[in-house]
């Protein structure tokens, strides 16, 4: 399940993912990013990943296709999770993201306020 966080505004979108993301949820999520890009040019995202967060194959492929097409419209991505796997994945991915102009950073759940501050500035 994907839930938009109330702190979302303008070109900064925040979401919490608590379970497996369906293709329909993925398409709805992508629609929100498309609208923010249309309105603002570039977007930043804060994503809180619960311990059961995951993507089905179809939703994951849809997500990957969208990201590949819109890399130049992404500014910052804050990933908030207590999972060492997500922490490791962000550490592995962030140098590659930086090559295309995306800043990506992992935060612990206790650092949520810091994550919002970072992604908004």
Protein backbone atom coordinates (compact mmCIF):
# COMPACT_ATOMS: atom_id res chain seq x y z
CA UNK A 1 0.00 0.00 0.00
CA UNK A 2 1.19 3.50 -0.88
CA UNK A 3 0.00 6.46 1.18
CA UNK A 4 0.83 10.06 0.32
CA UNK A 5 2.20 11.92 3.32
CA UNK A 6 0.55 15.20 4.38
CA UNK A 7 3.89 17.06 4.25
CA UNK A 8 3.90 16.73 0.44
CA UNK A 9 3.78 20.09 -1.29
CA UNK A 10 4.75 21.55 -4.65
CA UNK A 11 7.72 19.74 -6.10
CA UNK A 12 8.38 17.61 -2.98
CA UNK A 13 6.32 14.46 -2.66
CA UNK A 14 6.35 12.13 0.32
CA UNK A 15 4.98 8.60 0.44
CA UNK A 16 4.86 5.70 2.85
CA UNK A 17 4.93 2.17 1.46
CA UNK A 18 3.82 -0.48 3.94
CA UNK A 19 3.18 -3.58 1.83
CA UNK A 20 3.49 -4.99 -1.68
CA UNK A 21 2.76 -2.33 -4.32
CA UNK A 22 0.23 -3.39 -6.94
CA UNK A 23 0.36 -2.31 -10.59
CA UNK A 24 -2.69 -0.08 -10.04
CA UNK A 25 -1.04 1.62 -7.04
CA UNK A 26 2.15 2.07 -9.06
CA UNK A 27 0.24 3.75 -11.89
CA UNK A 28 -1.52 6.07 -9.43
CA UNK A 29 1.81 6.93 -7.79
CA UNK A 30 3.40 7.64 -11.18
CA UNK A 31 0.46 9.90 -12.03
CA UNK A 32 1.20 12.04 -8.96
CA UNK A 33 4.84 12.38 -10.00
CA UNK A 34 3.83 13.20 -13.59
CA UNK A 35 1.52 15.96 -12.33
CA UNK A 36 4.24 17.40 -10.04
CA UNK A 37 6.73 17.38 -12.94
CA UNK A 38 4.18 19.07 -15.20
CA UNK A 39 3.61 21.77 -12.57
CA UNK A 40 7.20 22.21 -11.33
CA UNK A 41 9.67 20.85 -13.88
CA UNK A 42 11.67 18.82 -11.33
CA UNK A 43 10.57 16.82 -8.30
CA UNK A 44 12.08 15.46 -5.13
CA UNK A 45 10.72 12.53 -3.17
CA UNK A 46 10.79 11.22 0.36
CA UNK A 47 9.83 7.56 0.60
CA UNK A 48 9.25 5.83 3.94
CA UNK A 49 9.63 2.07 3.46
CA UNK A 50 8.02 -0.20 6.02
CA UNK A 51 9.46 -3.63 6.71
CA UNK A 52 6.94 -5.27 4.35
CA UNK A 53 7.46 -2.80 1.47
CA UNK A 54 7.94 -4.53 -1.87
CA UNK A 55 6.95 -4.38 -5.53
CA UNK A 56 5.34 -7.02 -7.69
CA UNK A 57 7.15 -7.76 -10.95
CA UNK A 58 4.75 -5.73 -13.11
CA UNK A 59 4.72 -2.76 -10.71
CA UNK A 60 8.51 -2.91 -10.38
CA UNK A 61 8.99 -2.90 -14.15
CA UNK A 62 6.56 0.01 -14.52
CA UNK A 63 8.52 1.91 -11.85
CA UNK A 64 11.86 1.21 -13.54
CA UNK A 65 10.57 2.28 -16.98
CA UNK A 66 9.24 5.53 -15.51
CA UNK A 67 12.48 6.33 -13.68
CA UNK A 68 14.60 5.65 -16.77
CA UNK A 69 12.42 8.03 -18.80
CA UNK A 70 12.30 10.80 -16.15
CA UNK A 71 15.78 10.82 -14.61
CA UNK A 72 16.41 14.44 -15.63
CA UNK A 73 13.26 15.55 -13.78
CA UNK A 74 14.34 13.98 -10.47
CA UNK A 75 16.30 16.15 -8.01
CA UNK A 76 16.53 14.44 -4.60
CA UNK A 77 15.35 11.11 -3.24
CA UNK A 78 15.29 10.48 0.50
CA UNK A 79 14.75 6.85 1.49
CA UNK A 80 13.65 6.37 5.11
CA UNK A 81 13.93 2.82 6.43
CA UNK A 82 15.43 0.82 9.25
CA UNK A 83 16.30 -2.00 6.85
CA UNK A 84 19.99 -2.61 6.26
CA UNK A 85 19.09 -3.89 2.79
CA UNK A 86 17.57 -0.52 1.77
CA UNK A 87 20.49 1.30 3.38
CA UNK A 88 22.92 -0.83 1.36
CA UNK A 89 20.91 -0.42 -1.88
CA UNK A 90 20.89 3.39 -1.54
CA UNK A 91 24.64 3.38 -0.82
CA UNK A 92 25.19 1.25 -3.93
CA UNK A 93 22.86 3.28 -6.17
CA UNK A 94 23.63 6.85 -5.05
CA UNK A 95 26.95 7.22 -6.98
CA UNK A 96 25.17 6.19 -10.21
CA UNK A 97 22.22 8.49 -9.46
CA UNK A 98 24.66 11.36 -8.92
CA UNK A 99 26.05 10.80 -12.43
CA UNK A 100 22.63 11.76 -13.86
CA UNK A 101 22.10 14.63 -11.40
CA UNK A 102 20.00 12.89 -8.72
CA UNK A 103 20.96 13.22 -5.04
CA UNK A 104 19.94 10.14 -3.09
CA UNK A 105 20.31 9.59 0.65
CA UNK A 106 19.21 7.03 3.24
CA UNK A 107 17.78 8.04 6.63
CA UNK A 108 16.80 6.01 9.66
CA UNK A 109 13.15 6.38 10.81
CA UNK A 110 14.37 8.42 13.81
CA UNK A 111 15.79 10.92 11.29
CA UNK A 112 12.50 11.58 9.48
CA UNK A 113 12.54 15.32 10.26
CA UNK A 114 16.11 15.55 8.94
CA UNK A 115 15.04 13.69 5.80
CA UNK A 116 12.24 16.21 5.16
CA UNK A 117 14.64 19.12 5.72
CA UNK A 118 17.21 17.60 3.34
CA UNK A 119 14.76 16.78 0.56
CA UNK A 120 13.12 20.23 0.70
CA UNK A 121 16.40 22.22 0.44
